[in-house]
Amino acid sequence: QRLLRLSKGLGNYFASHPTGVPSGRTGRSQ
């Protein structure tokens, strides 16, 4: 069930960003 939720979450994320993943902030503080 947990793996199903993860798979569905990834599918939703892909549907929200079909052309590519959002870029992040460069040089973010560690």
PDB file of all heavy atoms in Angstrom:
ATOM      1  N   GLN A   1       0.831  -1.201   0.000  1.00  0.00           N
ATOM      2  CA  GLN A   1       0.000   0.000   0.000  1.00  0.00           C
ATOM      3  C   GLN A   1       0.868   1.256   0.000  1.00  0.00           C
ATOM      4  O   GLN A   1       0.552   2.243  -0.673  1.00  0.00           O
ATOM      5  CB  GLN A   1      -0.936  -0.009   1.212  1.00  0.00           C
ATOM      6  CG  GLN A   1      -2.047  -1.053   1.132  1.00  0.00           C
ATOM      7  CD  GLN A   1      -2.945  -0.858  -0.082  1.00  0.00           C
ATOM      8  OE1 GLN A   1      -3.256   0.264  -0.481  1.00  0.00           O
ATOM      9  NE2 GLN A   1      -3.361  -1.968  -0.683  1.00  0.00           N
ATOM     10  N   ARG A   2       1.958   1.220   0.748  1.00  0.00           N
ATOM     11  CA  ARG A   2       2.865   2.380   0.762  1.00  0.00           C
ATOM     12  C   ARG A   2       3.489   2.584  -0.620  1.00  0.00           C
ATOM     13  O   ARG A   2       3.595   3.712  -1.104  1.00  0.00           O
ATOM     14  CB  ARG A   2       3.957   2.179   1.810  1.00  0.00           C
ATOM     15  CG  ARG A   2       4.937   3.343   1.899  1.00  0.00           C
ATOM     16  CD  ARG A   2       5.922   3.151   3.048  1.00  0.00           C
ATOM     17  NE  ARG A   2       6.812   4.296   3.151  1.00  0.00           N
ATOM     18  CZ  ARG A   2       7.949   4.426   2.486  1.00  0.00           C
ATOM     19  NH1 ARG A   2       8.335   3.465   1.649  1.00  0.00           N
ATOM     20  NH2 ARG A   2       8.708   5.491   2.628  1.00  0.00           N
ATOM     21  N   LEU A   3       3.869   1.485  -1.270  1.00  0.00           N
ATOM     22  CA  LEU A   3       4.465   1.583  -2.594  1.00  0.00           C
ATOM     23  C   LEU A   3       3.447   2.076  -3.617  1.00  0.00           C
ATOM     24  O   LEU A   3       3.781   2.845  -4.530  1.00  0.00           O
ATOM     25  CB  LEU A   3       5.022   0.217  -3.004  1.00  0.00           C
ATOM     26  CG  LEU A   3       5.880   0.153  -4.272  1.00  0.00           C
ATOM     27  CD1 LEU A   3       6.986   1.196  -4.241  1.00  0.00           C
ATOM     28  CD2 LEU A   3       6.469  -1.245  -4.423  1.00  0.00           C
ATOM     29  N   LEU A   4       2.196   1.666  -3.448  1.00  0.00           N
ATOM     30  CA  LEU A   4       1.138   2.178  -4.319  1.00  0.00           C
ATOM     31  C   LEU A   4       0.983   3.688  -4.159  1.00  0.00           C
ATOM     32  O   LEU A   4       0.810   4.420  -5.144  1.00  0.00           O
ATOM     33  CB  LEU A   4      -0.185   1.476  -4.005  1.00  0.00           C
ATOM     34  CG  LEU A   4      -0.372   0.066  -4.569  1.00  0.00           C
ATOM     35  CD1 LEU A   4      -1.579  -0.607  -3.920  1.00  0.00           C
ATOM     36  CD2 LEU A   4      -0.560   0.122  -6.085  1.00  0.00           C
ATOM     37  N   ARG A   5       1.048   4.170  -2.907  1.00  0.00           N
ATOM     38  CA  ARG A   5       0.929   5.621  -2.663  1.00  0.00           C
ATOM     39  C   ARG A   5       2.103   6.372  -3.285  1.00  0.00           C
ATOM     40  O   ARG A   5       1.923   7.434  -3.888  1.00  0.00           O
ATOM     41  CB  ARG A   5       0.851   5.899  -1.161  1.00  0.00           C
ATOM     42  CG  ARG A   5      -0.455   5.455  -0.512  1.00  0.00           C
ATOM     43  CD  ARG A   5      -0.607   6.049   0.874  1.00  0.00           C
ATOM     44  NE  ARG A   5       0.447   5.616   1.785  1.00  0.00           N
ATOM     45  CZ  ARG A   5       0.390   4.521   2.526  1.00  0.00           C
ATOM     46  NH1 ARG A   5      -0.679   3.731   2.465  1.00  0.00           N
ATOM     47  NH2 ARG A   5       1.378   4.203   3.349  1.00  0.00           N
ATOM     48  N   LEU A   6       3.307   5.816  -3.140  1.00  0.00           N
ATOM     49  CA  LEU A   6       4.478   6.458  -3.737  1.00  0.00           C
ATOM     50  C   LEU A   6       4.358   6.509  -5.257  1.00  0.00           C
ATOM     51  O   LEU A   6       4.681   7.519  -5.891  1.00  0.00           O
ATOM     52  CB  LEU A   6       5.751   5.702  -3.336  1.00  0.00           C
ATOM     53  CG  LEU A   6       6.249   5.899  -1.905  1.00  0.00           C
ATOM     54  CD1 LEU A   6       7.383   4.926  -1.605  1.00  0.00           C
ATOM     55  CD2 LEU A   6       6.722   7.335  -1.689  1.00  0.00           C
ATOM     56  N   SER A   7       3.902   5.404  -5.843  1.00  0.00           N
ATOM     57  CA  SER A   7       3.768   5.336  -7.301  1.00  0.00           C
ATOM     58  C   SER A   7       2.719   6.327  -7.795  1.00  0.00           C
ATOM     59  O   SER A   7       2.907   7.007  -8.810  1.00  0.00           O
ATOM     60  CB  SER A   7       3.399   3.915  -7.723  1.00  0.00           C
ATOM     61  OG  SER A   7       4.381   2.983  -7.298  1.00  0.00           O
ATOM     62  N   LYS A   8       1.605   6.402  -7.077  1.00  0.00           N
ATOM     63  CA  LYS A   8       0.566   7.367  -7.451  1.00  0.00           C
ATOM     64  C   LYS A   8       1.074   8.794  -7.293  1.00  0.00           C
ATOM     65  O   LYS A   8       0.808   9.660  -8.140  1.00  0.00           O
ATOM     66  CB  LYS A   8      -0.673   7.150  -6.583  1.00  0.00           C
ATOM     67  CG  LYS A   8      -1.835   8.065  -6.937  1.00  0.00           C
ATOM     68  CD  LYS A   8      -3.057   7.805  -6.070  1.00  0.00           C
ATOM     69  CE  LYS A   8      -4.201   8.741  -6.424  1.00  0.00           C
ATOM     70  NZ  LYS A   8      -5.390   8.493  -5.560  1.00  0.00           N
ATOM     71  N   GLY A   9       1.827   9.051  -6.204  1.00  0.00           N
ATOM     72  CA  GLY A   9       2.387  10.391  -5.992  1.00  0.00           C
ATOM     73  C   GLY A   9       3.337  10.791  -7.096  1.00  0.00           C
ATOM     74  O   GLY A   9       3.318  11.940  -7.567  1.00  0.00           O
ATOM     75  N   LEU A  10       4.167   9.839  -7.554  1.00  0.00           N
ATOM     76  CA  LEU A  10       5.083  10.140  -8.656  1.00  0.00           C
ATOM     77  C   LEU A  10       4.310  10.409  -9.934  1.00  0.00           C
ATOM     78  O   LEU A  10       4.650  11.324 -10.700  1.00  0.00           O
ATOM     79  CB  LEU A  10       6.055   8.975  -8.856  1.00  0.00           C
ATOM     80  CG  LEU A  10       7.072   9.138  -9.993  1.00  0.00           C
ATOM     81  CD1 LEU A  10       7.959  10.366  -9.758  1.00  0.00           C
ATOM     82  CD2 LEU A  10       7.928   7.874 -10.129  1.00  0.00           C
ATOM     83  N   GLY A  11       3.241   9.628 -10.162  1.00  0.00           N
ATOM     84  CA  GLY A  11       2.410   9.865 -11.343  1.00  0.00           C
ATOM     85  C   GLY A  11       1.768  11.245 -11.325  1.00  0.00           C
ATOM     86  O   GLY A  11       1.722  11.939 -12.347  1.00  0.00           O
ATOM     87  N   ASN A  12       1.281  11.666 -10.161  1.00  0.00           N
ATOM     88  CA  ASN A  12       0.687  12.995 -10.028  1.00  0.00           C
ATOM     89  C   ASN A  12       1.733  14.094 -10.234  1.00  0.00           C
ATOM     90  O   ASN A  12       1.452  15.134 -10.846  1.00  0.00           O
ATOM     91  CB  ASN A  12       0.029  13.150  -8.659  1.00  0.00           C
ATOM     92  CG  ASN A  12      -1.193  12.254  -8.498  1.00  0.00           C
ATOM     93  OD1 ASN A  12      -1.788  11.830  -9.481  1.00  0.00           O
ATOM     94  ND2 ASN A  12      -1.547  11.967  -7.262  1.00  0.00           N
ATOM     95  N   TYR A  13       2.922  13.867  -9.708  1.00  0.00           N
ATOM     96  CA  TYR A  13       4.007  14.839  -9.867  1.00  0.00           C
ATOM     97  C   TYR A  13       4.362  14.983 -11.344  1.00  0.00           C
ATOM     98  O   TYR A  13       4.546  16.096 -11.858  1.00  0.00           O
ATOM     99  CB  TYR A  13       5.224  14.378  -9.066  1.00  0.00           C
ATOM    100  CG  TYR A  13       6.396  15.322  -9.102  1.00  0.00           C
ATOM    101  CD1 TYR A  13       6.395  16.501  -8.368  1.00  0.00           C
ATOM    102  CD2 TYR A  13       7.515  15.028  -9.870  1.00  0.00           C
ATOM    103  CE1 TYR A  13       7.486  17.371  -8.400  1.00  0.00           C
ATOM    104  CE2 TYR A  13       8.608  15.884  -9.906  1.00  0.00           C
ATOM    105  CZ  TYR A  13       8.582  17.056  -9.170  1.00  0.00           C
ATOM    106  OH  TYR A  13       9.659  17.902  -9.213  1.00  0.00           O
ATOM    107  N   PHE A  14       4.426  13.855 -12.046  1.00  0.00           N
ATOM    108  CA  PHE A  14       4.726  13.870 -13.476  1.00  0.00           C
ATOM    109  C   PHE A  14       3.630  14.608 -14.242  1.00  0.00           C
ATOM    110  O   PHE A  14       3.914  15.398 -15.157  1.00  0.00           O
ATOM    111  CB  PHE A  14       4.866  12.438 -13.988  1.00  0.00           C
ATOM    112  CG  PHE A  14       5.128  12.330 -15.461  1.00  0.00           C
ATOM    113  CD1 PHE A  14       6.400  12.543 -15.981  1.00  0.00           C
ATOM    114  CD2 PHE A  14       4.103  12.018 -16.348  1.00  0.00           C
ATOM    115  CE1 PHE A  14       6.645  12.440 -17.335  1.00  0.00           C
ATOM    116  CE2 PHE A  14       4.334  11.918 -17.710  1.00  0.00           C
ATOM    117  CZ  PHE A  14       5.607  12.129 -18.205  1.00  0.00           C
ATOM    118  N   ALA A  15       2.376  14.360 -13.855  1.00  0.00           N
ATOM    119  CA  ALA A  15       1.260  15.027 -14.531  1.00  0.00           C
ATOM    120  C   ALA A  15       1.294  16.539 -14.305  1.00  0.00           C
ATOM    121  O   ALA A  15       0.896  17.317 -15.180  1.00  0.00           O
ATOM    122  CB  ALA A  15      -0.068  14.444 -14.038  1.00  0.00           C
ATOM    123  N   SER A  16       1.772  16.961 -13.146  1.00  0.00           N
ATOM    124  CA  SER A  16       1.863  18.393 -12.843  1.00  0.00           C
ATOM    125  C   SER A  16       3.028  19.059 -13.543  1.00  0.00           C
ATOM    126  O   SER A  16       3.027  20.277 -13.751  1.00  0.00           O
ATOM    127  CB  SER A  16       1.990  18.598 -11.332  1.00  0.00           C
ATOM    128  OG  SER A  16       0.878  18.081 -10.640  1.00  0.00           O
ATOM    129  N   HIS A  17       4.043  18.264 -13.892  1.00  0.00           N
ATOM    130  CA  HIS A  17       5.256  18.809 -14.537  1.00  0.00           C
ATOM    131  C   HIS A  17       5.620  17.942 -15.739  1.00  0.00           C
ATOM    132  O   HIS A  17       6.687  17.317 -15.778  1.00  0.00           O
ATOM    133  CB  HIS A  17       6.417  18.842 -13.535  1.00  0.00           C
ATOM    134  CG  HIS A  17       6.095  19.520 -12.241  1.00  0.00           C
ATOM    135  ND1 HIS A  17       6.016  20.888 -12.110  1.00  0.00           N
ATOM    136  CD2 HIS A  17       5.811  19.018 -11.017  1.00  0.00           C
ATOM    137  CE1 HIS A  17       5.706  21.197 -10.869  1.00  0.00           C
ATOM    138  NE2 HIS A  17       5.577  20.087 -10.183  1.00  0.00           N
ATOM    139  N   PRO A  18       4.763  17.895 -16.758  1.00  0.00           N
ATOM    140  CA  PRO A  18       4.982  16.960 -17.874  1.00  0.00           C
ATOM    141  C   PRO A  18       6.187  17.291 -18.733  1.00  0.00           C
ATOM    142  O   PRO A  18       6.746  16.410 -19.383  1.00  0.00           O
ATOM    143  CB  PRO A  18       3.684  17.062 -18.682  1.00  0.00           C
ATOM    144  CG  PRO A  18       3.142  18.422 -18.349  1.00  0.00           C
ATOM    145  CD  PRO A  18       3.525  18.673 -16.925  1.00  0.00           C
ATOM    146  N   THR A  19       6.619  18.561 -18.763  1.00  0.00           N
ATOM    147  CA  THR A  19       7.733  18.944 -19.635  1.00  0.00           C
ATOM    148  C   THR A  19       9.078  18.906 -18.932  1.00  0.00           C
ATOM    149  O   THR A  19      10.112  19.108 -19.564  1.00  0.00           O
ATOM    150  CB  THR A  19       7.504  20.356 -20.192  1.00  0.00           C
ATOM    151  OG1 THR A  19       7.408  21.286 -19.094  1.00  0.00           O
ATOM    152  CG2 THR A  19       6.226  20.414 -21.017  1.00  0.00           C
ATOM    153  N   GLY A  20       9.077  18.665 -17.640  1.00  0.00           N
ATOM    154  CA  GLY A  20      10.335  18.611 -16.897  1.00  0.00           C
ATOM    155  C   GLY A  20      10.142  18.977 -15.438  1.00  0.00           C
ATOM    156  O   GLY A  20       9.114  19.583 -15.075  1.00  0.00           O
ATOM    157  N   VAL A  21      11.105  18.638 -14.610  1.00  0.00           N
ATOM    158  CA  VAL A  21      10.987  18.896 -13.177  1.00  0.00           C
ATOM    159  C   VAL A  21      11.374  20.346 -12.883  1.00  0.00           C
ATOM    160  O   VAL A  21      12.158  20.954 -13.623  1.00  0.00           O
ATOM    161  CB  VAL A  21      11.889  17.938 -12.378  1.00  0.00           C
ATOM    162  CG1 VAL A  21      11.512  16.494 -12.630  1.00  0.00           C
ATOM    163  CG2 VAL A  21      13.373  18.164 -12.701  1.00  0.00           C
ATOM    164  N   PRO A  22      10.831  20.931 -11.833  1.00  0.00           N
ATOM    165  CA  PRO A  22      11.205  22.307 -11.486  1.00  0.00           C
ATOM    166  C   PRO A  22      12.677  22.385 -11.088  1.00  0.00           C
ATOM    167  O   PRO A  22      13.189  21.513 -10.393  1.00  0.00           O
ATOM    168  CB  PRO A  22      10.302  22.633 -10.289  1.00  0.00           C
ATOM    169  CG  PRO A  22       9.186  21.640 -10.349  1.00  0.00           C
ATOM    170  CD  PRO A  22       9.772  20.408 -10.941  1.00  0.00           C
ATOM    171  N   SER A  23      13.338  23.432 -11.547  1.00  0.00           N
ATOM    172  CA  SER A  23      14.735  23.629 -11.155  1.00  0.00           C
ATOM    173  C   SER A  23      14.780  24.166  -9.728  1.00  0.00           C
ATOM    174  O   SER A  23      13.811  24.742  -9.234  1.00  0.00           O
ATOM    175  CB  SER A  23      15.426  24.603 -12.109  1.00  0.00           C
ATOM    176  OG  SER A  23      14.758  25.854 -12.105  1.00  0.00           O
ATOM    177  N   GLY A  24      15.910  23.965  -9.073  1.00  0.00           N
ATOM    178  CA  GLY A  24      16.043  24.407  -7.690  1.00  0.00           C
ATOM    179  C   GLY A  24      16.936  25.621  -7.567  1.00  0.00           C
ATOM    180  O   GLY A  24      17.496  26.122  -8.547  1.00  0.00           O
ATOM    181  N   ARG A  25      17.084  26.079  -6.356  1.00  0.00           N
ATOM    182  CA  ARG A  25      17.953  27.223  -6.078  1.00  0.00           C
ATOM    183  C   ARG A  25      19.405  26.760  -6.068  1.00  0.00           C
ATOM    184  O   ARG A  25      19.758  25.792  -5.404  1.00  0.00           O
ATOM    185  CB  ARG A  25      17.610  27.825  -4.717  1.00  0.00           C
ATOM    186  CG  ARG A  25      16.256  28.491  -4.657  1.00  0.00           C
ATOM    187  CD  ARG A  25      15.891  28.815  -3.221  1.00  0.00           C
ATOM    188  NE  ARG A  25      15.599  27.606  -2.457  1.00  0.00           N
ATOM    189  CZ  ARG A  25      15.375  27.608  -1.146  1.00  0.00           C
ATOM    190  NH1 ARG A  25      15.433  28.728  -0.455  1.00  0.00           N
ATOM    191  NH2 ARG A  25      15.103  26.475  -0.522  1.00  0.00           N
ATOM    192  N   THR A  26      20.239  27.452  -6.823  1.00  0.00           N
ATOM    193  CA  THR A  26      21.654  27.112  -6.837  1.00  0.00           C
ATOM    194  C   THR A  26      22.349  27.791  -5.665  1.00  0.00           C
ATOM    195  O   THR A  26      21.970  28.881  -5.230  1.00  0.00           O
ATOM    196  CB  THR A  26      22.308  27.577  -8.150  1.00  0.00           C
ATOM    197  OG1 THR A  26      22.118  28.986  -8.279  1.00  0.00           O
ATOM    198  CG2 THR A  26      21.690  26.866  -9.339  1.00  0.00           C
ATOM    199  N   GLY A  27      23.351  27.121  -5.147  1.00  0.00           N
ATOM    200  CA  GLY A  27      24.109  27.700  -4.043  1.00  0.00           C
ATOM    201  C   GLY A  27      23.338  27.771  -2.749  1.00  0.00           C
ATOM    202  O   GLY A  27      23.637  28.594  -1.884  1.00  0.00           O
ATOM    203  N   ARG A  28      22.302  26.915  -2.604  1.00  0.00           N
ATOM    204  CA  ARG A  28      21.509  26.940  -1.370  1.00  0.00           C
ATOM    205  C   ARG A  28      22.371  26.570  -0.174  1.00  0.00           C
ATOM    206  O   ARG A  28      23.213  25.686  -0.235  1.00  0.00           O
ATOM    207  CB  ARG A  28      20.331  25.961  -1.498  1.00  0.00           C
ATOM    208  CG  ARG A  28      19.331  26.046  -0.384  1.00  0.00           C
ATOM    209  CD  ARG A  28      18.120  25.174  -0.697  1.00  0.00           C
ATOM    210  NE  ARG A  28      18.469  23.780  -0.800  1.00  0.00           N
ATOM    211  CZ  ARG A  28      18.546  22.963   0.249  1.00  0.00           C
ATOM    212  NH1 ARG A  28      18.322  23.432   1.467  1.00  0.00           N
ATOM    213  NH2 ARG A  28      18.829  21.695   0.099  1.00  0.00           N
ATOM    214  N   SER A  29      22.161  27.230   0.941  1.00  0.00           N
ATOM    215  CA  SER A  29      22.969  27.000   2.137  1.00  0.00           C
ATOM    216  C   SER A  29      22.836  25.554   2.594  1.00  0.00           C
ATOM    217  O   SER A  29      21.749  24.980   2.604  1.00  0.00           O
ATOM    218  CB  SER A  29      22.519  27.941   3.264  1.00  0.00           C
ATOM    219  OG  SER A  29      23.161  27.581   4.464  1.00  0.00           O
ATOM    220  N   GLN A  30      23.960  24.970   2.971  1.00  0.00           N
ATOM    221  CA  GLN A  30      23.978  23.600   3.472  1.00  0.00           C
ATOM    222  C   GLN A  30      24.041  23.572   5.003  1.00  0.00           C
ATOM    223  O   GLN A  30      24.248  22.505   5.591  1.00  0.00           O
ATOM    224  CB  GLN A  30      25.182  22.841   2.896  1.00  0.00           C
ATOM    225  CG  GLN A  30      25.166  22.741   1.380  1.00  0.00           C
ATOM    226  CD  GLN A  30      24.051  21.852   0.861  1.00  0.00           C
ATOM    227  OE1 GLN A  30      24.073  20.649   1.012  1.00  0.00           O
ATOM    228  NE2 GLN A  30      23.054  22.466   0.246  1.00  0.00           N
TER     229      GLN A  30
END
